[in-house]
PDB file of N, CA and C in Angstrom:
ATOM      1  N   MET A   1      17.142 -10.994   7.491  1.00  0.00           N
ATOM      2  CA  MET A   1      16.242 -10.424   6.280  1.00  0.00           C
ATOM      3  C   MET A   1      15.326  -9.687   6.734  1.00  0.00           C
ATOM      4  N   TYR A   2      15.036  -8.401   5.644  1.00  0.00           N
ATOM      5  CA  TYR A   2      14.145  -7.668   6.406  1.00  0.00           C
ATOM      6  C   TYR A   2      12.531  -7.685   5.437  1.00  0.00           C
ATOM      7  N   MET A   3      11.560  -7.446   5.513  1.00  0.00           N
ATOM      8  CA  MET A   3      10.374  -7.451   4.480  1.00  0.00           C
ATOM      9  C   MET A   3       9.696  -6.319   4.811  1.00  0.00           C
ATOM     10  N   VAL A   4       9.804  -5.411   3.925  1.00  0.00           N
ATOM     11  CA  VAL A   4       9.124  -3.979   3.721  1.00  0.00           C
ATOM     12  C   VAL A   4       7.480  -4.413   3.071  1.00  0.00           C
ATOM     13  N   MET A   5       6.637  -3.800   3.727  1.00  0.00           N
ATOM     14  CA  MET A   5       4.985  -4.202   3.205  1.00  0.00           C
ATOM     15  C   MET A   5       4.741  -2.799   3.419  1.00  0.00           C
ATOM     16  N   GLU A   6       3.283  -2.537   2.465  1.00  0.00           N
ATOM     17  CA  GLU A   6       2.989  -1.161   2.749  1.00  0.00           C
ATOM     18  C   GLU A   6       1.977  -0.873   3.631  1.00  0.00           C
ATOM     19  N   PHE A   7       1.960  -0.375   4.268  1.00  0.00           N
ATOM     20  CA  PHE A   7       0.568   0.209   5.424  1.00  0.00           C
ATOM     21  C   PHE A   7      -0.983  -0.250   5.310  1.00  0.00           C
ATOM     22  N   ALA A   8      -1.432  -0.821   5.928  1.00  0.00           N
ATOM     23  CA  ALA A   8      -3.169  -1.402   6.055  1.00  0.00           C
ATOM     24  C   ALA A   8      -3.495  -0.571   6.923  1.00  0.00           C
ATOM     25  N   ASP A   9      -3.693   1.011   5.744  1.00  0.00           N
ATOM     26  CA  ASP A   9      -4.746   2.081   6.912  1.00  0.00           C
ATOM     27  C   ASP A   9      -5.951   0.939   8.141  1.00  0.00           C
ATOM     28  N   GLY A  10      -6.455   0.281   7.292  1.00  0.00           N
ATOM     29  CA  GLY A  10      -7.498  -0.085   7.758  1.00  0.00           C
ATOM     30  C   GLY A  10      -7.471  -1.353   8.413  1.00  0.00           C
ATOM     31  N   GLY A  11      -6.356  -1.715   8.734  1.00  0.00           N
ATOM     32  CA  GLY A  11      -5.991  -3.306   9.532  1.00  0.00           C
ATOM     33  C   GLY A  11      -6.548  -4.450   8.758  1.00  0.00           C
ATOM     34  N   SER A  12      -6.978  -5.213   9.664  1.00  0.00           N
ATOM     35  CA  SER A  12      -7.649  -6.760   8.561  1.00  0.00           C
ATOM     36  C   SER A  12      -9.049  -6.296   8.834  1.00  0.00           C
ATOM     37  N   LEU A  13      -9.623  -7.323   7.287  1.00  0.00           N
ATOM     38  CA  LEU A  13     -11.073  -7.201   7.575  1.00  0.00           C
ATOM     39  C   LEU A  13     -11.853  -7.603   8.449  1.00  0.00           C
ATOM     40  N   TYR A  14     -11.362  -8.688   9.482  1.00  0.00           N
ATOM     41  CA  TYR A  14     -11.354  -9.188  10.473  1.00  0.00           C
ATOM     42  C   TYR A  14     -11.548  -8.015  11.531  1.00  0.00           C
ATOM     43  N   THR A  15     -10.969  -6.900  11.488  1.00  0.00           N
ATOM     44  CA  THR A  15     -10.952  -6.071  12.236  1.00  0.00           C
ATOM     45  C   THR A  15     -12.061  -5.332  12.120  1.00  0.00           C
ATOM     46  N   VAL A  16     -12.003  -5.127  10.888  1.00  0.00           N
ATOM     47  CA  VAL A  16     -13.799  -3.701  10.329  1.00  0.00           C
ATOM     48  C   VAL A  16     -14.721  -4.815  10.251  1.00  0.00           C
ATOM     49  N   LEU A  17     -14.813  -6.106  10.256  1.00  0.00           N
ATOM     50  CA  LEU A  17     -16.183  -6.638  10.519  1.00  0.00           C
ATOM     51  C   LEU A  17     -16.801  -6.684  11.968  1.00  0.00           C
ATOM     52  N   HIS A  18     -15.749  -7.177  12.896  1.00  0.00           N
ATOM     53  CA  HIS A  18     -15.707  -7.170  14.416  1.00  0.00           C
ATOM     54  C   HIS A  18     -15.010  -6.094  15.061  1.00  0.00           C
ATOM     55  N   GLY A  19     -15.121  -4.925  14.964  1.00  0.00           N
ATOM     56  CA  GLY A  19     -14.213  -3.948  15.567  1.00  0.00           C
ATOM     57  C   GLY A  19     -15.349  -3.656  16.555  1.00  0.00           C
ATOM     58  N   ILE A  20     -15.046  -2.783  18.093  1.00  0.00           N
ATOM     59  CA  ILE A  20     -15.643  -2.302  19.056  1.00  0.00           C
ATOM     60  C   ILE A  20     -14.616  -0.887  18.942  1.00  0.00           C
ATOM     61  N   PRO A  21     -15.617   0.025  19.010  1.00  0.00           N
ATOM     62  CA  PRO A  21     -17.348  -0.020  18.624  1.00  0.00           C
ATOM     63  C   PRO A  21     -17.284  -0.508  17.146  1.00  0.00           C
ATOM     64  N   GLN A  22     -18.653  -1.018  16.996  1.00  0.00           N
ATOM     65  CA  GLN A  22     -18.838  -1.496  15.518  1.00  0.00           C
ATOM     66  C   GLN A  22     -18.965  -0.664  14.926  1.00  0.00           C
ATOM     67  N   PRO A  23     -18.018  -0.674  13.945  1.00  0.00           N
ATOM     68  CA  PRO A  23     -17.681  -0.155  12.489  1.00  0.00           C
ATOM     69  C   PRO A  23     -19.125   0.328  11.415  1.00  0.00           C
ATOM     70  N   TYR A  24     -18.680   1.051  10.606  1.00  0.00           N
ATOM     71  CA  TYR A  24     -19.933   1.131   9.657  1.00  0.00           C
ATOM     72  C   TYR A  24     -19.279   0.994   8.339  1.00  0.00           C
ATOM     73  N   TYR A  25     -19.874  -0.074   7.601  1.00  0.00           N
ATOM     74  CA  TYR A  25     -20.101  -0.045   6.002  1.00  0.00           C
ATOM     75  C   TYR A  25     -21.228  -0.717   5.813  1.00  0.00           C
ATOM     76  N   THR A  26     -21.780  -0.317   4.223  1.00  0.00           N
ATOM     77  CA  THR A  26     -22.203  -0.790   3.585  1.00  0.00           C
ATOM     78  C   THR A  26     -22.442  -1.892   2.867  1.00  0.00           C
ATOM     79  N   THR A  27     -23.195  -2.207   2.154  1.00  0.00           N
ATOM     80  CA  THR A  27     -23.806  -3.457   1.369  1.00  0.00           C
ATOM     81  C   THR A  27     -22.765  -3.523   0.281  1.00  0.00           C
ATOM     82  N   GLY A  28     -22.642  -1.685  -0.440  1.00  0.00           N
ATOM     83  CA  GLY A  28     -21.773  -1.716  -1.242  1.00  0.00           C
ATOM     84  C   GLY A  28     -20.223  -1.922  -1.104  1.00  0.00           C
ATOM     85  N   ASN A  29     -19.957  -1.672   0.244  1.00  0.00           N
ATOM     86  CA  ASN A  29     -18.580  -1.892   0.611  1.00  0.00           C
ATOM     87  C   ASN A  29     -18.425  -3.576   0.564  1.00  0.00           C
ATOM     88  N   ALA A  30     -19.185  -4.609   1.131  1.00  0.00           N
ATOM     89  CA  ALA A  30     -19.127  -5.447   1.269  1.00  0.00           C
ATOM     90  C   ALA A  30     -18.995  -6.403  -0.244  1.00  0.00           C
ATOM     91  N   LEU A  31     -19.877  -5.519  -0.807  1.00  0.00           N
ATOM     92  CA  LEU A  31     -19.712  -6.621  -2.377  1.00  0.00           C
ATOM     93  C   LEU A  31     -18.326  -6.252  -2.807  1.00  0.00           C
ATOM     94  N   SER A  32     -18.155  -5.409  -2.732  1.00  0.00           N
ATOM     95  CA  SER A  32     -16.558  -4.892  -3.253  1.00  0.00           C
ATOM     96  C   SER A  32     -15.843  -5.570  -3.045  1.00  0.00           C
ATOM     97  N   TRP A  33     -16.065  -5.473  -1.587  1.00  0.00           N
ATOM     98  CA  TRP A  33     -14.774  -6.606  -1.132  1.00  0.00           C
ATOM     99  C   TRP A  33     -14.356  -8.237  -1.158  1.00  0.00           C
ATOM    100  N   VAL A  34     -16.014  -8.783  -1.232  1.00  0.00           N
ATOM    101  CA  VAL A  34     -15.918  -9.806  -2.371  1.00  0.00           C
ATOM    102  C   VAL A  34     -15.911 -10.020  -3.482  1.00  0.00           C
ATOM    103  N   HIS A  35     -15.798  -8.935  -4.651  1.00  0.00           N
ATOM    104  CA  HIS A  35     -15.691  -8.802  -6.029  1.00  0.00           C
ATOM    105  C   HIS A  35     -14.018  -9.235  -5.682  1.00  0.00           C
ATOM    106  N   GLN A  36     -13.311  -8.238  -5.098  1.00  0.00           N
ATOM    107  CA  GLN A  36     -11.982  -8.049  -5.220  1.00  0.00           C
ATOM    108  C   GLN A  36     -11.209  -9.121  -5.029  1.00  0.00           C
ATOM    109  N   ILE A  37     -11.480 -10.362  -3.892  1.00  0.00           N
ATOM    110  CA  ILE A  37     -11.296 -11.284  -3.375  1.00  0.00           C
ATOM    111  C   ILE A  37     -11.599 -12.382  -4.279  1.00  0.00           C
ATOM    112  N   ALA A  38     -12.325 -12.385  -4.667  1.00  0.00           N
ATOM    113  CA  ALA A  38     -12.752 -13.147  -5.511  1.00  0.00           C
ATOM    114  C   ALA A  38     -12.036 -13.054  -7.180  1.00  0.00           C
ATOM    115  N   THR A  39     -11.588 -11.706  -7.166  1.00  0.00           N
ATOM    116  CA  THR A  39     -11.202 -12.013  -8.781  1.00  0.00           C
ATOM    117  C   THR A  39      -9.443 -12.107  -8.240  1.00  0.00           C
ATOM    118  N   ALA A  40      -9.097 -11.662  -7.220  1.00  0.00           N
ATOM    119  CA  ALA A  40      -7.860 -12.631  -7.168  1.00  0.00           C
ATOM    120  C   ALA A  40      -7.680 -13.601  -6.798  1.00  0.00           C
ATOM    121  N   CYS A  41      -8.397 -14.424  -6.218  1.00  0.00           N
ATOM    122  CA  CYS A  41      -8.431 -16.108  -6.201  1.00  0.00           C
ATOM    123  C   CYS A  41      -8.680 -16.667  -7.929  1.00  0.00           C
ATOM    124  N   ASP A  42      -8.905 -15.868  -8.893  1.00  0.00           N
ATOM    125  CA  ASP A  42      -9.274 -16.350 -10.233  1.00  0.00           C
ATOM    126  C   ASP A  42      -8.034 -16.269 -10.552  1.00  0.00           C
ATOM    127  N   TYR A  43      -7.247 -15.308 -10.710  1.00  0.00           N
ATOM    128  CA  TYR A  43      -6.054 -15.090 -11.297  1.00  0.00           C
ATOM    129  C   TYR A  43      -5.246 -16.096 -10.718  1.00  0.00           C
ATOM    130  N   LEU A  44      -5.063 -16.224  -9.655  1.00  0.00           N
ATOM    131  CA  LEU A  44      -3.994 -16.828  -8.903  1.00  0.00           C
ATOM    132  C   LEU A  44      -4.270 -18.271  -8.965  1.00  0.00           C
ATOM    133  N   HIS A  45      -5.946 -19.459  -9.152  1.00  0.00           N
ATOM    134  CA  HIS A  45      -5.826 -20.168  -9.719  1.00  0.00           C
ATOM    135  C   HIS A  45      -6.210 -20.697 -10.657  1.00  0.00           C
ATOM    136  N   SER A  46      -5.961 -19.254 -11.783  1.00  0.00           N
ATOM    137  CA  SER A  46      -5.618 -20.000 -13.027  1.00  0.00           C
ATOM    138  C   SER A  46      -4.449 -19.858 -13.289  1.00  0.00           C
ATOM    139  N   ARG A  47      -3.390 -19.395 -13.091  1.00  0.00           N
ATOM    140  CA  ARG A  47      -2.034 -19.801 -13.205  1.00  0.00           C
ATOM    141  C   ARG A  47      -1.287 -20.763 -13.387  1.00  0.00           C
ATOM    142  N   LYS A  48      -0.364 -21.366 -13.819  1.00  0.00           N
ATOM    143  CA  LYS A  48       0.427 -22.537 -14.390  1.00  0.00           C
ATOM    144  C   LYS A  48       1.442 -22.406 -13.632  1.00  0.00           C
ATOM    145  N   PRO A  49       1.968 -23.256 -12.522  1.00  0.00           N
ATOM    146  CA  PRO A  49       1.017 -24.063 -12.036  1.00  0.00           C
ATOM    147  C   PRO A  49      -0.354 -23.368 -11.020  1.00  0.00           C
ATOM    148  N   PRO A  50      -1.817 -23.568 -10.977  1.00  0.00           N
ATOM    149  CA  PRO A  50      -2.016 -22.879 -10.014  1.00  0.00           C
ATOM    150  C   PRO A  50      -2.034 -22.459  -8.679  1.00  0.00           C
ATOM    151  N   VAL A  51      -2.022 -21.683  -7.848  1.00  0.00           N
ATOM    152  CA  VAL A  51      -1.754 -21.162  -6.699  1.00  0.00           C
ATOM    153  C   VAL A  51      -2.877 -21.417  -5.943  1.00  0.00           C
ATOM    154  N   VAL A  52      -2.647 -21.304  -4.651  1.00  0.00           N
ATOM    155  CA  VAL A  52      -3.844 -21.926  -3.647  1.00  0.00           C
ATOM    156  C   VAL A  52      -3.284 -21.359  -2.211  1.00  0.00           C
ATOM    157  N   HIS A  53      -4.045 -20.274  -1.717  1.00  0.00           N
ATOM    158  CA  HIS A  53      -3.947 -19.859   0.072  1.00  0.00           C
ATOM    159  C   HIS A  53      -4.368 -20.701   0.513  1.00  0.00           C
ATOM    160  N   ARG A  54      -4.869 -21.390   0.547  1.00  0.00           N
ATOM    161  CA  ARG A  54      -5.894 -22.560   2.001  1.00  0.00           C
ATOM    162  C   ARG A  54      -5.267 -21.902   3.181  1.00  0.00           C
ATOM    163  N   ASP A  55      -5.572 -20.403   3.347  1.00  0.00           N
ATOM    164  CA  ASP A  55      -5.956 -19.960   4.890  1.00  0.00           C
ATOM    165  C   ASP A  55      -6.612 -18.800   4.907  1.00  0.00           C
ATOM    166  N   LEU A  56      -7.480 -18.321   3.471  1.00  0.00           N
ATOM    167  CA  LEU A  56      -7.887 -17.613   3.404  1.00  0.00           C
ATOM    168  C   LEU A  56      -8.884 -17.161   4.068  1.00  0.00           C
ATOM    169  N   LYS A  57      -8.998 -16.118   4.830  1.00  0.00           N
ATOM    170  CA  LYS A  57     -10.397 -15.750   5.923  1.00  0.00           C
ATOM    171  C   LYS A  57     -10.187 -14.047   6.475  1.00  0.00           C
ATOM    172  N   PRO A  58     -11.089 -13.778   7.085  1.00  0.00           N
ATOM    173  CA  PRO A  58     -10.927 -12.182   7.265  1.00  0.00           C
ATOM    174  C   PRO A  58      -9.880 -11.555   8.169  1.00  0.00           C
ATOM    175  N   ALA A  59      -8.856 -12.460   8.385  1.00  0.00           N
ATOM    176  CA  ALA A  59      -7.754 -12.037   9.595  1.00  0.00           C
ATOM    177  C   ALA A  59      -6.821 -11.694   8.612  1.00  0.00           C
ATOM    178  N   ASN A  60      -6.832 -12.823   7.269  1.00  0.00           N
ATOM    179  CA  ASN A  60      -5.505 -12.306   6.415  1.00  0.00           C
ATOM    180  C   ASN A  60      -5.754 -11.706   5.020  1.00  0.00           C
ATOM    181  N   VAL A  61      -6.867 -10.554   5.322  1.00  0.00           N
ATOM    182  CA  VAL A  61      -7.546  -9.796   4.335  1.00  0.00           C
ATOM    183  C   VAL A  61      -7.016  -8.395   4.652  1.00  0.00           C
ATOM    184  N   LEU A  62      -6.083  -7.838   3.982  1.00  0.00           N
ATOM    185  CA  LEU A  62      -5.956  -6.164   4.715  1.00  0.00           C
ATOM    186  C   LEU A  62      -6.795  -5.440   3.798  1.00  0.00           C
ATOM    187  N   VAL A  63      -7.304  -4.362   4.798  1.00  0.00           N
ATOM    188  CA  VAL A  63      -8.159  -3.182   4.131  1.00  0.00           C
ATOM    189  C   VAL A  63      -6.507  -1.899   4.283  1.00  0.00           C
ATOM    190  N   PHE A  64      -7.480  -1.231   2.828  1.00  0.00           N
ATOM    191  CA  PHE A  64      -6.355  -0.120   2.250  1.00  0.00           C
ATOM    192  C   PHE A  64      -7.671   0.868   1.783  1.00  0.00           C
ATOM    193  N   GLN A  65      -6.758   1.953   2.029  1.00  0.00           N
ATOM    194  CA  GLN A  65      -7.543   3.384   1.042  1.00  0.00           C
ATOM    195  C   GLN A  65      -9.216   3.322   2.424  1.00  0.00           C
ATOM    196  N   GLN A  66      -9.315   3.511   3.241  1.00  0.00           N
ATOM    197  CA  GLN A  66     -10.169   3.813   3.849  1.00  0.00           C
ATOM    198  C   GLN A  66     -11.426   3.203   3.520  1.00  0.00           C
ATOM    199  N   GLY A  67     -11.060   1.338   3.568  1.00  0.00           N
ATOM    200  CA  GLY A  67     -11.998   0.813   3.202  1.00  0.00           C
ATOM    201  C   GLY A  67     -12.434   0.349   1.576  1.00  0.00           C
ATOM    202  N   ARG A  68     -12.241   1.200   0.861  1.00  0.00           N
ATOM    203  CA  ARG A  68     -11.872   0.876  -0.735  1.00  0.00           C
ATOM    204  C   ARG A  68     -11.239  -0.616  -1.207  1.00  0.00           C
ATOM    205  N   VAL A  69      -9.975  -0.320  -1.163  1.00  0.00           N
ATOM    206  CA  VAL A  69      -9.498  -1.780  -1.088  1.00  0.00           C
ATOM    207  C   VAL A  69      -9.367  -2.893  -0.211  1.00  0.00           C
ATOM    208  N   VAL A  70      -8.999  -4.525  -0.566  1.00  0.00           N
ATOM    209  CA  VAL A  70      -8.443  -5.085   0.366  1.00  0.00           C
ATOM    210  C   VAL A  70      -7.420  -5.936  -0.863  1.00  0.00           C
ATOM    211  N   LYS A  71      -6.809  -7.008   0.003  1.00  0.00           N
ATOM    212  CA  LYS A  71      -5.628  -7.108  -0.418  1.00  0.00           C
ATOM    213  C   LYS A  71      -5.230  -8.384   0.310  1.00  0.00           C
ATOM    214  N   ILE A  72      -4.960  -9.790  -0.320  1.00  0.00           N
ATOM    215  CA  ILE A  72      -4.913 -10.569   0.717  1.00  0.00           C
ATOM    216  C   ILE A  72      -3.795 -10.844   0.661  1.00  0.00           C
ATOM    217  N   CYS A  73      -3.091 -11.102   2.423  1.00  0.00           N
ATOM    218  CA  CYS A  73      -2.479 -11.544   2.920  1.00  0.00           C
ATOM    219  C   CYS A  73      -1.771 -13.233   3.434  1.00  0.00           C
ATOM    220  N   ASP A  74      -0.394 -13.028   4.299  1.00  0.00           N
ATOM    221  CA  ASP A  74      -0.301 -14.417   4.845  1.00  0.00           C
ATOM    222  C   ASP A  74       0.068 -15.688   4.081  1.00  0.00           C
ATOM    223  N   TRP A  75       0.772 -15.475   3.217  1.00  0.00           N
ATOM    224  CA  TRP A  75       0.825 -16.428   2.147  1.00  0.00           C
ATOM    225  C   TRP A  75       1.731 -18.045   2.818  1.00  0.00           C
ATOM    226  N   TYR A  76       1.836 -17.913   3.712  1.00  0.00           N
ATOM    227  CA  TYR A  76       2.692 -19.354   4.226  1.00  0.00           C
ATOM    228  C   TYR A  76       2.221 -20.832   4.247  1.00  0.00           C
ATOM    229  N   ARG A  77       1.018 -20.534   4.149  1.00  0.00           N
ATOM    230  CA  ARG A  77       0.018 -22.134   3.475  1.00  0.00           C
ATOM    231  C   ARG A  77       0.369 -22.052   2.531  1.00  0.00           C
ATOM    232  N   SER A  78       0.417 -21.260   1.507  1.00  0.00           N
ATOM    233  CA  SER A  78      -0.051 -21.223  -0.369  1.00  0.00           C
ATOM    234  C   SER A  78       0.875 -22.674  -1.123  1.00  0.00           C
ATOM    235  N   ARG A  79       0.287 -23.061  -1.464  1.00  0.00           N
ATOM    236  CA  ARG A  79       1.060 -23.827  -2.414  1.00  0.00           C
ATOM    237  C   ARG A  79       0.167 -23.969  -3.941  1.00  0.00           C
ATOM    238  N   THR A  80       1.725 -24.758  -4.623  1.00  0.00           N
ATOM    239  CA  THR A  80       1.212 -25.000  -5.415  1.00  0.00           C
ATOM    240  C   THR A  80       0.519 -26.200  -6.325  1.00  0.00           C
ATOM    241  N   ARG A  81      -0.688 -26.638  -7.138  1.00  0.00           N
ATOM    242  CA  ARG A  81      -0.783 -27.648  -7.116  1.00  0.00           C
ATOM    243  C   ARG A  81      -0.520 -28.528  -8.176  1.00  0.00           C
TER     244      ARG A  81
END
């Protein structure tokens, strides 16, 4: 079996936050990332049955489009309630 995924040009959010040399991002970037993640979680939790990720952390958030878009990944621990 093969899985094809889109390329995350920015790596993980963990890499963005803790990269060496220290990467540059603005408060606006951080607020946008939090909003996108919260919107995704709200959508998942509103499904019937709700979906819970269970391992949400910066390493499981991928960064796209030079930091403008983030997407949750690593769903192996997710569950429906």
